[in-house]
Amino acid sequence: MDKIKYFETTLPLFQPPKLISMRKIIWVLASIMLFYSCKKTEISSQEVSDDVLNQIKALGFSTQGILKLEDGYLVEGDIILTDDNLNGMPTSHELIYANEEHYHTTNLVTGLPRTITVSLNTAQANFVAAVDEAILRYNALGLTITFQKVSGTRADINVKTFYQVSNTLGSAGFPTRNGSPYKTVNMNLYWYTPSIAVNALATTIAHEIGHCIGYRHTDYMNRSYSCGGSAVNEGSAGVGAVFIPGTPTGPSANSWMLSCGSTASSFDRPFTTADQTALNYVY
């Protein structure tokens, strides 16, 4: 979910005094260095090779703003493509439609019924409450997968916070070939400060967990529906785009799996009727 608002700040002109002591200059420089060191991101990016860019482009994704992460490549703001995805997973089950129905990937979570454990690496109050709310939303549907919050880093899905000055709100990947959920949800503290409302944060976390268990964006073939701007088709992405029967044949308004959302405190997308149909059909 990468739809964001930009803010402009106008700073007053600063008129320095005529004389400044050397001790004052050293103190100011040290303060500046400390400030920027605190802003260092926990997610580092590396140069992406032309071969990888061509693979990503061939899968239908935009090659703008791609980041190389530990687990793969971050594309379209919130999707992580692994090497398996780039090498071309089976696509024989793909059914591509022109509207914004609900879709799942070829690989899904297996071994049902199954409990999926979820951990969180921060004590930030709104994150703690938001993970609880996201889990509650899923478990209230009585699916064949249930979610349980646990401590530590050995959970099936680990919700991890990081700080990065970027347009990325959150990101996740898709289930593995052996039927396990994707293991990491990354959430950017640059956008999700302690003042962000719990329901807004829970919506993003539920969205990223949706990717982890195999759901594509409902508007993957036309991201402009929720993101604005020009139409962008994510393509089959090597992970499949399987239409879920019973879901809308037109735009799926307010779906929890729309490509873009917001960090506004009023933003909240609980599961719609169509979302519940999609979740119950698959799980």
Protein backbone atom coordinates (compact mmCIF):
# COMPACT_ATOMS: atom_id res chain seq x y z
CA MET A 1 0.00 0.00 0.00
CA ASP A 2 1.90 2.91 -1.23
CA LYS A 3 -0.49 5.84 -1.67
CA ILE A 4 0.83 8.64 0.49
CA LYS A 5 0.49 12.33 1.14
CA TYR A 6 3.40 14.69 0.80
CA PHE A 7 4.00 17.54 3.17
CA GLU A 8 5.94 20.75 2.58
CA THR A 9 7.61 22.68 5.37
CA THR A 10 8.78 26.26 5.10
CA LEU A 11 11.62 27.11 7.45
CA PRO A 12 12.34 30.67 8.63
CA LEU A 13 15.59 32.26 7.57
CA PHE A 14 18.31 31.94 10.18
CA GLN A 15 20.58 34.91 10.81
CA PRO A 16 23.77 33.78 12.62
CA PRO A 17 25.48 36.05 15.11
CA LYS A 18 28.66 37.71 14.03
CA LEU A 19 30.86 35.76 16.46
CA ILE A 20 30.54 32.06 17.24
CA SER A 21 32.99 30.22 19.45
CA MET A 22 34.84 27.17 18.16
CA ARG A 23 33.33 25.12 21.00
CA LYS A 24 29.84 26.12 19.77
CA ILE A 25 30.67 25.06 16.20
CA ILE A 26 31.96 21.67 17.35
CA TRP A 27 28.85 21.11 19.47
CA VAL A 28 26.52 21.97 16.54
CA LEU A 29 28.39 19.66 14.15
CA ALA A 30 28.30 16.81 16.64
CA SER A 31 24.57 17.29 17.15
CA ILE A 32 23.96 17.18 13.39
CA MET A 33 25.97 13.97 13.05
CA LEU A 34 24.04 12.35 15.91
CA PHE A 35 20.71 13.39 14.38
CA TYR A 36 21.46 11.80 11.01
CA SER A 37 22.90 8.66 12.56
CA CYS A 38 19.57 8.14 14.35
CA LYS A 39 17.79 8.35 10.99
CA LYS A 40 19.72 5.44 9.46
CA THR A 41 17.40 2.89 7.91
CA GLU A 42 17.40 -0.75 8.89
CA ILE A 43 16.70 -1.76 5.27
CA SER A 44 19.64 -1.22 2.96
CA SER A 45 19.35 -1.08 -0.81
CA GLN A 46 21.85 -2.34 -3.36
CA GLU A 47 22.29 -1.83 -7.07
CA VAL A 48 19.93 -3.97 -9.14
CA SER A 49 21.48 -5.66 -12.18
CA ASP A 50 20.14 -5.21 -15.69
CA ASP A 51 19.30 -8.93 -15.85
CA VAL A 52 17.09 -8.66 -12.76
CA LEU A 53 15.47 -5.47 -14.08
CA ASN A 54 14.63 -7.28 -17.32
CA GLN A 55 13.16 -10.23 -15.38
CA ILE A 56 11.00 -7.91 -13.28
CA LYS A 57 9.85 -6.02 -16.36
CA ALA A 58 9.00 -9.31 -18.10
CA LEU A 59 6.76 -10.23 -15.16
CA GLY A 60 4.76 -7.05 -15.74
CA PHE A 61 6.04 -4.89 -12.87
CA SER A 62 7.32 -1.36 -13.13
CA THR A 63 11.10 -1.12 -12.85
CA GLN A 64 11.01 2.30 -11.20
CA GLY A 65 12.10 2.56 -7.58
CA ILE A 66 13.11 -1.09 -7.19
CA LEU A 67 15.05 -1.89 -4.01
CA LYS A 68 17.24 -4.94 -3.39
CA LEU A 69 16.42 -6.33 0.03
CA GLU A 70 17.68 -9.31 2.01
CA ASP A 71 14.76 -11.50 0.93
CA GLY A 72 14.42 -10.31 -2.67
CA TYR A 73 13.39 -7.20 -4.56
CA LEU A 74 10.83 -4.62 -3.45
CA VAL A 75 8.60 -3.58 -6.36
CA GLU A 76 5.47 -1.48 -6.72
CA GLY A 77 5.94 -0.17 -3.19
CA ASP A 78 4.80 -3.17 -1.15
CA ILE A 79 5.53 -6.46 -2.95
CA ILE A 80 8.69 -8.49 -2.41
CA LEU A 81 9.67 -10.76 -5.30
CA THR A 82 12.04 -13.59 -4.37
CA ASP A 83 14.46 -15.38 -6.68
CA ASP A 84 11.84 -18.14 -7.08
CA ASN A 85 9.36 -15.57 -8.34
CA LEU A 86 11.86 -14.17 -10.84
CA ASN A 87 12.82 -17.59 -12.13
CA GLY A 88 9.25 -18.16 -13.20
CA MET A 89 6.89 -20.22 -11.11
CA PRO A 90 4.11 -22.24 -12.82
CA THR A 91 1.65 -20.01 -14.64
CA SER A 92 -0.74 -22.54 -16.15
CA HIS A 93 -3.47 -21.65 -13.63
CA GLU A 94 -3.45 -17.94 -14.40
CA LEU A 95 -6.75 -16.42 -15.45
CA ILE A 96 -6.42 -12.77 -16.40
CA TYR A 97 -9.52 -10.59 -16.39
CA ALA A 98 -9.92 -6.91 -17.25
CA ASN A 99 -11.69 -5.84 -14.09
CA GLU A 100 -10.84 -5.60 -10.40
CA GLU A 101 -11.94 -8.96 -9.07
CA HIS A 102 -10.22 -10.86 -6.27
CA TYR A 103 -7.22 -13.03 -7.03
CA HIS A 104 -4.90 -15.42 -5.29
CA THR A 105 -1.44 -16.71 -6.17
CA THR A 106 -0.72 -20.19 -7.53
CA ASN A 107 1.00 -21.14 -4.26
CA LEU A 108 -1.18 -21.06 -1.16
CA VAL A 109 -0.74 -22.02 2.48
CA THR A 110 -1.18 -25.78 2.86
CA GLY A 111 -1.57 -28.25 5.73
CA LEU A 112 -5.04 -26.98 6.61
CA PRO A 113 -6.51 -26.51 9.11
CA ARG A 114 -3.48 -24.63 10.38
CA THR A 115 -2.52 -22.10 13.01
CA ILE A 116 -0.16 -19.38 11.76
CA THR A 117 1.91 -17.69 14.43
CA VAL A 118 2.62 -13.95 14.22
CA SER A 119 5.29 -12.00 16.10
CA LEU A 120 6.03 -8.28 16.47
CA ASN A 121 9.43 -6.70 17.09
CA THR A 122 8.28 -3.47 18.72
CA ALA A 123 6.47 -2.41 21.89
CA GLN A 124 5.05 0.73 20.22
CA ALA A 125 1.51 0.78 21.61
CA ASN A 126 -0.43 1.33 18.39
CA PHE A 127 1.50 -1.49 16.68
CA VAL A 128 0.72 -3.91 19.50
CA ALA A 129 -2.98 -3.06 19.32
CA ALA A 130 -2.98 -3.07 15.50
CA VAL A 131 -1.51 -6.57 15.21
CA ASP A 132 -4.16 -7.78 17.68
CA GLU A 133 -6.87 -6.10 15.59
CA ALA A 134 -5.59 -7.54 12.30
CA ILE A 135 -5.52 -11.04 13.82
CA LEU A 136 -9.03 -10.54 15.23
CA ARG A 137 -10.37 -9.57 11.80
CA TYR A 138 -9.11 -12.81 10.25
CA ASN A 139 -10.05 -15.11 13.13
CA ALA A 140 -13.60 -13.72 13.27
CA LEU A 141 -14.31 -15.35 9.88
CA GLY A 142 -13.86 -18.93 11.08
CA LEU A 143 -11.36 -19.82 8.34
CA THR A 144 -9.29 -23.00 8.10
CA ILE A 145 -6.28 -20.86 9.01
CA THR A 146 -6.19 -19.07 12.34
CA PHE A 147 -3.62 -16.57 13.56
CA GLN A 148 -1.98 -16.50 16.98
CA LYS A 149 0.39 -13.82 18.27
CA VAL A 150 3.58 -15.12 19.88
CA SER A 151 6.84 -13.64 21.13
CA GLY A 152 10.28 -14.16 19.61
CA THR A 153 11.43 -14.37 16.00
CA ARG A 154 10.52 -17.97 15.17
CA ALA A 155 6.94 -17.16 14.21
CA ASP A 156 5.49 -18.11 10.82
CA ILE A 157 5.03 -14.41 10.06
CA ASN A 158 7.24 -11.78 11.70
CA VAL A 159 5.97 -8.19 11.67
CA LYS A 160 9.13 -6.08 11.67
CA THR A 161 9.44 -2.31 11.90
CA PHE A 162 12.16 -0.28 10.25
CA TYR A 163 12.84 3.39 9.55
CA GLN A 164 13.39 4.65 6.02
CA VAL A 165 12.66 8.00 4.42
CA SER A 166 10.80 6.61 1.40
CA ASN A 167 7.35 6.10 -0.12
CA THR A 168 7.18 2.54 1.21
CA LEU A 169 4.54 2.05 3.90
CA GLY A 170 4.74 -1.72 4.25
CA SER A 171 5.80 -4.76 2.24
CA ALA A 172 5.52 -8.55 2.14
CA GLY A 173 5.86 -11.48 -0.25
CA PHE A 174 3.86 -14.56 -1.25
CA PRO A 175 3.66 -18.17 0.01
CA THR A 176 6.52 -20.55 -0.73
CA ARG A 177 6.38 -23.62 -2.95
CA ASN A 178 6.15 -25.87 0.12
CA GLY A 179 2.97 -24.15 1.30
CA SER A 180 4.37 -21.91 4.02
CA PRO A 181 3.24 -18.29 4.40
CA TYR A 182 5.76 -15.60 3.53
CA LYS A 183 7.74 -15.00 6.71
CA THR A 184 8.09 -11.21 6.97
CA VAL A 185 5.90 -8.11 7.02
CA ASN A 186 7.99 -4.92 6.95
CA MET A 187 6.39 -1.74 8.35
CA ASN A 188 7.97 1.70 7.94
CA LEU A 189 8.08 3.82 11.11
CA TYR A 190 8.68 6.89 8.96
CA TRP A 191 4.95 6.77 8.19
CA TYR A 192 3.58 4.79 11.12
CA THR A 193 4.39 7.00 14.07
CA PRO A 194 2.88 6.49 17.54
CA SER A 195 0.10 8.93 16.60
CA ILE A 196 -1.32 6.83 13.75
CA ALA A 197 -4.72 5.36 14.61
CA VAL A 198 -4.87 1.66 15.41
CA ASN A 199 -7.47 0.82 12.74
CA ALA A 200 -5.45 2.55 10.01
CA LEU A 201 -2.35 0.60 11.01
CA ALA A 202 -4.30 -2.65 11.37
CA THR A 203 -5.62 -2.25 7.83
CA THR A 204 -2.10 -2.10 6.42
CA ILE A 205 -0.92 -5.05 8.51
CA ALA A 206 -3.95 -7.13 7.46
CA HIS A 207 -3.19 -6.21 3.83
CA GLU A 208 0.43 -7.36 4.07
CA ILE A 209 -0.61 -10.56 5.86
CA GLY A 210 -3.00 -11.06 2.94
CA HIS A 211 0.01 -11.17 0.61
CA CYS A 212 1.78 -13.59 2.96
CA ILE A 213 -1.07 -16.11 2.61
CA GLY A 214 -1.46 -15.69 -1.13
CA TYR A 215 -3.71 -12.78 -2.08
CA ARG A 216 -2.88 -10.48 -4.97
CA HIS A 217 -3.99 -6.85 -5.20
CA THR A 218 -7.62 -6.74 -6.29
CA ASP A 219 -6.67 -3.99 -8.75
CA TYR A 220 -3.35 -5.53 -9.80
CA MET A 221 -4.20 -5.07 -13.51
CA ASN A 222 -4.91 -1.36 -13.05
CA ARG A 223 -3.29 0.17 -9.98
CA SER A 224 -4.63 3.61 -10.90
CA TYR A 225 -7.98 2.48 -9.47
CA SER A 226 -6.69 2.98 -5.92
CA CYS A 227 -3.34 4.72 -6.49
CA GLY A 228 -4.32 7.34 -9.07
CA GLY A 229 -2.02 8.37 -11.90
CA SER A 230 -1.50 6.33 -15.03
CA ALA A 231 -2.69 2.74 -15.33
CA VAL A 232 -0.09 0.17 -14.28
CA ASN A 233 -0.61 -3.57 -14.73
CA GLU A 234 1.42 -5.70 -12.30
CA GLY A 235 1.05 -8.72 -14.57
CA SER A 236 1.06 -12.34 -13.45
CA ALA A 237 4.40 -11.67 -11.69
CA GLY A 238 5.42 -15.32 -11.88
CA VAL A 239 3.25 -16.06 -8.85
CA GLY A 240 -0.08 -16.49 -10.59
CA ALA A 241 -3.29 -14.51 -10.68
CA VAL A 242 -6.13 -16.94 -10.10
CA PHE A 243 -9.63 -15.47 -10.16
CA ILE A 244 -11.70 -16.24 -7.07
CA PRO A 245 -15.28 -17.23 -8.03
CA GLY A 246 -18.06 -15.26 -6.44
CA THR A 247 -16.13 -12.00 -6.20
CA PRO A 248 -17.10 -8.83 -8.09
CA THR A 249 -16.87 -8.62 -11.86
CA GLY A 250 -16.23 -4.88 -11.55
CA PRO A 251 -14.10 -2.73 -9.26
CA SER A 252 -13.99 -4.13 -5.74
CA ALA A 253 -14.48 -0.93 -3.80
CA ASN A 254 -12.85 -0.63 -0.37
CA SER A 255 -11.25 -4.08 -0.55
CA TRP A 256 -8.53 -4.75 2.00
CA MET A 257 -6.29 -5.86 -0.89
CA LEU A 258 -6.44 -2.73 -3.06
CA SER A 259 -2.98 -1.63 -4.14
CA CYS A 260 -2.93 1.71 -2.34
CA GLY A 261 -4.17 3.09 0.92
CA SER A 262 -3.26 5.96 3.22
CA THR A 263 -1.62 6.72 6.54
CA ALA A 264 -4.44 9.07 7.54
CA SER A 265 -5.86 8.30 10.99
CA SER A 266 -9.36 8.06 9.50
CA PHE A 267 -8.27 5.38 7.01
CA ASP A 268 -9.79 1.97 7.73
CA ARG A 269 -10.68 -0.94 5.45
CA PRO A 270 -12.19 -3.84 7.38
CA PHE A 271 -13.13 -6.85 5.26
CA THR A 272 -15.94 -6.13 2.81
CA THR A 273 -18.53 -8.76 1.86
CA ALA A 274 -16.48 -9.51 -1.27
CA ASP A 275 -13.31 -9.81 0.81
CA GLN A 276 -15.02 -12.30 3.10
CA THR A 277 -16.12 -14.31 0.05
CA ALA A 278 -12.52 -14.38 -1.22
CA LEU A 279 -11.14 -15.43 2.17
CA ASN A 280 -13.75 -18.13 2.75
CA TYR A 281 -13.37 -19.57 -0.76
CA VAL A 282 -9.60 -20.03 -0.44
CA TYR A 283 -9.40 -20.85 3.29
